[in-house]
């Protein structure tokens, strides 16, 4: 962690690294498979090599993935097991948000039905 900067700024940089669906997909693939070569990630994502490379560069810069070169093959893995935990926590938060929105929509629909019934009387 950059000890010269406030924690909220450092956290913001971390979340900027997560702020693209392709990067989330790459992290999920690495969480699922443990490690993947670039060609495997290209097959899994359907991206062009240059686009995947850009996203991997951002993820490396954010400290979310690590790479290892063996000859011409580069393999990526999550830099920390806690990245997989973060993805899991995000799923839980998303589920909770969607459940709340669904509940609110149900309440609004019931209120609209009641108002329509009252107006019809």
C-alpha atoms as a PDB file:
ATOM      1  CA  UNK A   1       0.000   0.000   0.000  1.00  0.00           C
ATOM      2  CA  UNK A   2       1.147   3.532  -0.761  1.00  0.00           C
ATOM      3  CA  UNK A   3       1.667   4.870   2.757  1.00  0.00           C
ATOM      4  CA  UNK A   4       2.012   8.459   1.520  1.00  0.00           C
ATOM      5  CA  UNK A   5      -1.583   8.643   0.275  1.00  0.00           C
ATOM      6  CA  UNK A   6      -4.869   8.532   2.168  1.00  0.00           C
ATOM      7  CA  UNK A   7      -6.443   5.083   2.282  1.00  0.00           C
ATOM      8  CA  UNK A   8      -9.573   6.220   0.436  1.00  0.00           C
ATOM      9  CA  UNK A   9      -7.430   7.288  -2.548  1.00  0.00           C
ATOM     10  CA  UNK A  10      -5.582   3.973  -2.598  1.00  0.00           C
ATOM     11  CA  UNK A  11      -8.904   2.101  -2.412  1.00  0.00           C
ATOM     12  CA  UNK A  12     -10.234   4.223  -5.253  1.00  0.00           C
ATOM     13  CA  UNK A  13      -7.304   3.176  -7.438  1.00  0.00           C
ATOM     14  CA  UNK A  14      -8.008  -0.469  -6.600  1.00  0.00           C
ATOM     15  CA  UNK A  15     -11.653  -0.112  -7.607  1.00  0.00           C
ATOM     16  CA  UNK A  16     -10.684   1.684 -10.819  1.00  0.00           C
ATOM     17  CA  UNK A  17      -8.770  -1.476 -11.664  1.00  0.00           C
ATOM     18  CA  UNK A  18     -12.011  -3.412 -11.251  1.00  0.00           C
ATOM     19  CA  UNK A  19     -14.145  -0.915 -13.149  1.00  0.00           C
ATOM     20  CA  UNK A  20     -14.560  -2.769 -16.431  1.00  0.00           C
ATOM     21  CA  UNK A  21     -16.610  -5.896 -17.231  1.00  0.00           C
ATOM     22  CA  UNK A  22     -13.717  -7.491 -19.117  1.00  0.00           C
ATOM     23  CA  UNK A  23     -11.393  -7.114 -16.136  1.00  0.00           C
ATOM     24  CA  UNK A  24     -14.002  -8.632 -13.839  1.00  0.00           C
ATOM     25  CA  UNK A  25     -14.381 -11.533 -16.293  1.00  0.00           C
ATOM     26  CA  UNK A  26     -10.607 -12.077 -16.387  1.00  0.00           C
ATOM     27  CA  UNK A  27     -10.441 -12.082 -12.581  1.00  0.00           C
ATOM     28  CA  UNK A  28     -13.346 -14.526 -12.374  1.00  0.00           C
ATOM     29  CA  UNK A  29     -11.644 -16.836 -14.875  1.00  0.00           C
ATOM     30  CA  UNK A  30      -8.425 -16.744 -12.869  1.00  0.00           C
ATOM     31  CA  UNK A  31     -10.333 -17.346  -9.635  1.00  0.00           C
ATOM     32  CA  UNK A  32     -12.017 -20.361 -11.247  1.00  0.00           C
ATOM     33  CA  UNK A  33      -8.970 -21.859 -12.982  1.00  0.00           C
ATOM     34  CA  UNK A  34      -6.117 -20.748 -10.732  1.00  0.00           C
ATOM     35  CA  UNK A  35      -3.865 -19.728 -13.599  1.00  0.00           C
ATOM     36  CA  UNK A  36      -4.337 -19.249 -17.323  1.00  0.00           C
ATOM     37  CA  UNK A  37      -2.154 -18.507 -20.289  1.00  0.00           C
ATOM     38  CA  UNK A  38      -2.923 -15.594 -22.544  1.00  0.00           C
ATOM     39  CA  UNK A  39      -4.161 -17.864 -25.344  1.00  0.00           C
ATOM     40  CA  UNK A  40      -6.594 -19.560 -22.955  1.00  0.00           C
ATOM     41  CA  UNK A  41      -7.912 -16.186 -21.798  1.00  0.00           C
ATOM     42  CA  UNK A  42      -8.303 -15.085 -25.403  1.00  0.00           C
ATOM     43  CA  UNK A  43     -10.366 -18.209 -26.098  1.00  0.00           C
ATOM     44  CA  UNK A  44     -12.485 -17.695 -22.965  1.00  0.00           C
ATOM     45  CA  UNK A  45     -13.118 -13.966 -23.502  1.00  0.00           C
ATOM     46  CA  UNK A  46     -13.226 -13.688 -27.286  1.00  0.00           C
ATOM     47  CA  UNK A  47     -11.128 -10.527 -27.098  1.00  0.00           C
ATOM     48  CA  UNK A  48      -8.450  -9.394 -29.489  1.00  0.00           C
ATOM     49  CA  UNK A  49      -4.958  -9.849 -28.067  1.00  0.00           C
ATOM     50  CA  UNK A  50      -4.300  -6.104 -27.872  1.00  0.00           C
ATOM     51  CA  UNK A  51      -7.487  -5.494 -25.864  1.00  0.00           C
ATOM     52  CA  UNK A  52      -6.753  -8.306 -23.436  1.00  0.00           C
ATOM     53  CA  UNK A  53      -3.207  -7.024 -23.042  1.00  0.00           C
ATOM     54  CA  UNK A  54      -4.487  -3.565 -22.093  1.00  0.00           C
ATOM     55  CA  UNK A  55      -6.813  -5.000 -19.460  1.00  0.00           C
ATOM     56  CA  UNK A  56      -4.116  -7.250 -18.046  1.00  0.00           C
ATOM     57  CA  UNK A  57      -1.793  -4.245 -17.800  1.00  0.00           C
ATOM     58  CA  UNK A  58      -4.403  -2.387 -15.711  1.00  0.00           C
ATOM     59  CA  UNK A  59      -4.935  -5.440 -13.485  1.00  0.00           C
ATOM     60  CA  UNK A  60      -1.179  -5.838 -12.972  1.00  0.00           C
ATOM     61  CA  UNK A  61      -0.847  -2.137 -12.186  1.00  0.00           C
ATOM     62  CA  UNK A  62      -3.586  -2.416  -9.583  1.00  0.00           C
ATOM     63  CA  UNK A  63      -1.783  -5.384  -8.024  1.00  0.00           C
ATOM     64  CA  UNK A  64      -4.679  -7.741  -8.727  1.00  0.00           C
ATOM     65  CA  UNK A  65      -2.900 -10.224 -11.002  1.00  0.00           C
ATOM     66  CA  UNK A  66       0.624 -11.576 -11.252  1.00  0.00           C
ATOM     67  CA  UNK A  67       2.298 -13.017 -14.318  1.00  0.00           C
ATOM     68  CA  UNK A  68       5.005 -15.550 -14.981  1.00  0.00           C
ATOM     69  CA  UNK A  69       6.844 -15.989 -18.246  1.00  0.00           C
ATOM     70  CA  UNK A  70       8.096 -19.358 -19.444  1.00  0.00           C
ATOM     71  CA  UNK A  71       9.675 -18.995 -22.862  1.00  0.00           C
ATOM     72  CA  UNK A  72       7.112 -17.275 -25.059  1.00  0.00           C
ATOM     73  CA  UNK A  73       4.172 -18.274 -22.821  1.00  0.00           C
ATOM     74  CA  UNK A  74       2.886 -15.866 -20.156  1.00  0.00           C
ATOM     75  CA  UNK A  75       0.659 -17.262 -17.442  1.00  0.00           C
ATOM     76  CA  UNK A  76      -1.493 -15.113 -15.177  1.00  0.00           C
ATOM     77  CA  UNK A  77      -2.936 -15.808 -11.741  1.00  0.00           C
ATOM     78  CA  UNK A  78      -4.611 -13.786  -9.035  1.00  0.00           C
ATOM     79  CA  UNK A  79      -1.943 -11.910  -7.107  1.00  0.00           C
ATOM     80  CA  UNK A  80      -3.733 -12.637  -3.829  1.00  0.00           C
ATOM     81  CA  UNK A  81      -6.388 -15.153  -2.796  1.00  0.00           C
ATOM     82  CA  UNK A  82      -8.289 -12.234  -1.291  1.00  0.00           C
ATOM     83  CA  UNK A  83      -9.095 -11.024  -4.832  1.00  0.00           C
ATOM     84  CA  UNK A  84     -11.387 -14.057  -5.190  1.00  0.00           C
ATOM     85  CA  UNK A  85     -12.916 -13.161  -1.820  1.00  0.00           C
ATOM     86  CA  UNK A  86     -13.514  -9.618  -3.082  1.00  0.00           C
ATOM     87  CA  UNK A  87     -15.309 -10.971  -6.159  1.00  0.00           C
ATOM     88  CA  UNK A  88     -17.465 -13.134  -3.897  1.00  0.00           C
ATOM     89  CA  UNK A  89     -18.267 -10.177  -1.655  1.00  0.00           C
ATOM     90  CA  UNK A  90     -19.253  -8.154  -4.727  1.00  0.00           C
ATOM     91  CA  UNK A  91     -21.665 -10.931  -5.758  1.00  0.00           C
ATOM     92  CA  UNK A  92     -23.272 -10.823  -2.304  1.00  0.00           C
ATOM     93  CA  UNK A  93     -23.615  -7.033  -2.376  1.00  0.00           C
ATOM     94  CA  UNK A  94     -25.062  -7.156  -5.894  1.00  0.00           C
ATOM     95  CA  UNK A  95     -27.565  -9.837  -4.870  1.00  0.00           C
ATOM     96  CA  UNK A  96     -28.607  -7.759  -1.837  1.00  0.00           C
ATOM     97  CA  UNK A  97     -29.007  -4.614  -3.962  1.00  0.00           C
ATOM     98  CA  UNK A  98     -31.080  -6.481  -6.554  1.00  0.00           C
ATOM     99  CA  UNK A  99     -33.236  -8.069  -3.844  1.00  0.00           C
ATOM    100  CA  UNK A 100     -33.881  -4.639  -2.323  1.00  0.00           C
ATOM    101  CA  UNK A 101     -34.765  -3.170  -5.715  1.00  0.00           C
ATOM    102  CA  UNK A 102     -37.087  -6.095  -6.441  1.00  0.00           C
ATOM    103  CA  UNK A 103     -38.787  -5.625  -3.064  1.00  0.00           C
ATOM    104  CA  UNK A 104     -39.185  -1.898  -3.714  1.00  0.00           C
ATOM    105  CA  UNK A 105     -40.637  -2.572  -7.155  1.00  0.00           C
ATOM    106  CA  UNK A 106     -43.131  -5.003  -5.602  1.00  0.00           C
ATOM    107  CA  UNK A 107     -44.204  -2.356  -3.073  1.00  0.00           C
ATOM    108  CA  UNK A 108     -44.598   0.264  -5.815  1.00  0.00           C
ATOM    109  CA  UNK A 109     -46.625  -2.168  -7.930  1.00  0.00           C
ATOM    110  CA  UNK A 110     -48.956  -2.944  -5.008  1.00  0.00           C
ATOM    111  CA  UNK A 111     -49.385   0.768  -4.304  1.00  0.00           C
ATOM    112  CA  UNK A 112     -50.148   1.432  -7.972  1.00  0.00           C
ATOM    113  CA  UNK A 113     -52.736  -1.365  -7.958  1.00  0.00           C
ATOM    114  CA  UNK A 114     -54.381   0.103  -4.848  1.00  0.00           C
ATOM    115  CA  UNK A 115     -54.462   3.570  -6.387  1.00  0.00           C
ATOM    116  CA  UNK A 116     -55.947   2.171  -9.590  1.00  0.00           C
ATOM    117  CA  UNK A 117     -58.634   0.321  -7.606  1.00  0.00           C
ATOM    118  CA  UNK A 118     -59.483   3.467  -5.641  1.00  0.00           C
ATOM    119  CA  UNK A 119     -59.662   5.529  -8.837  1.00  0.00           C
ATOM    120  CA  UNK A 120     -61.996   2.950 -10.400  1.00  0.00           C
ATOM    121  CA  UNK A 121     -64.474   3.254  -7.525  1.00  0.00           C
END
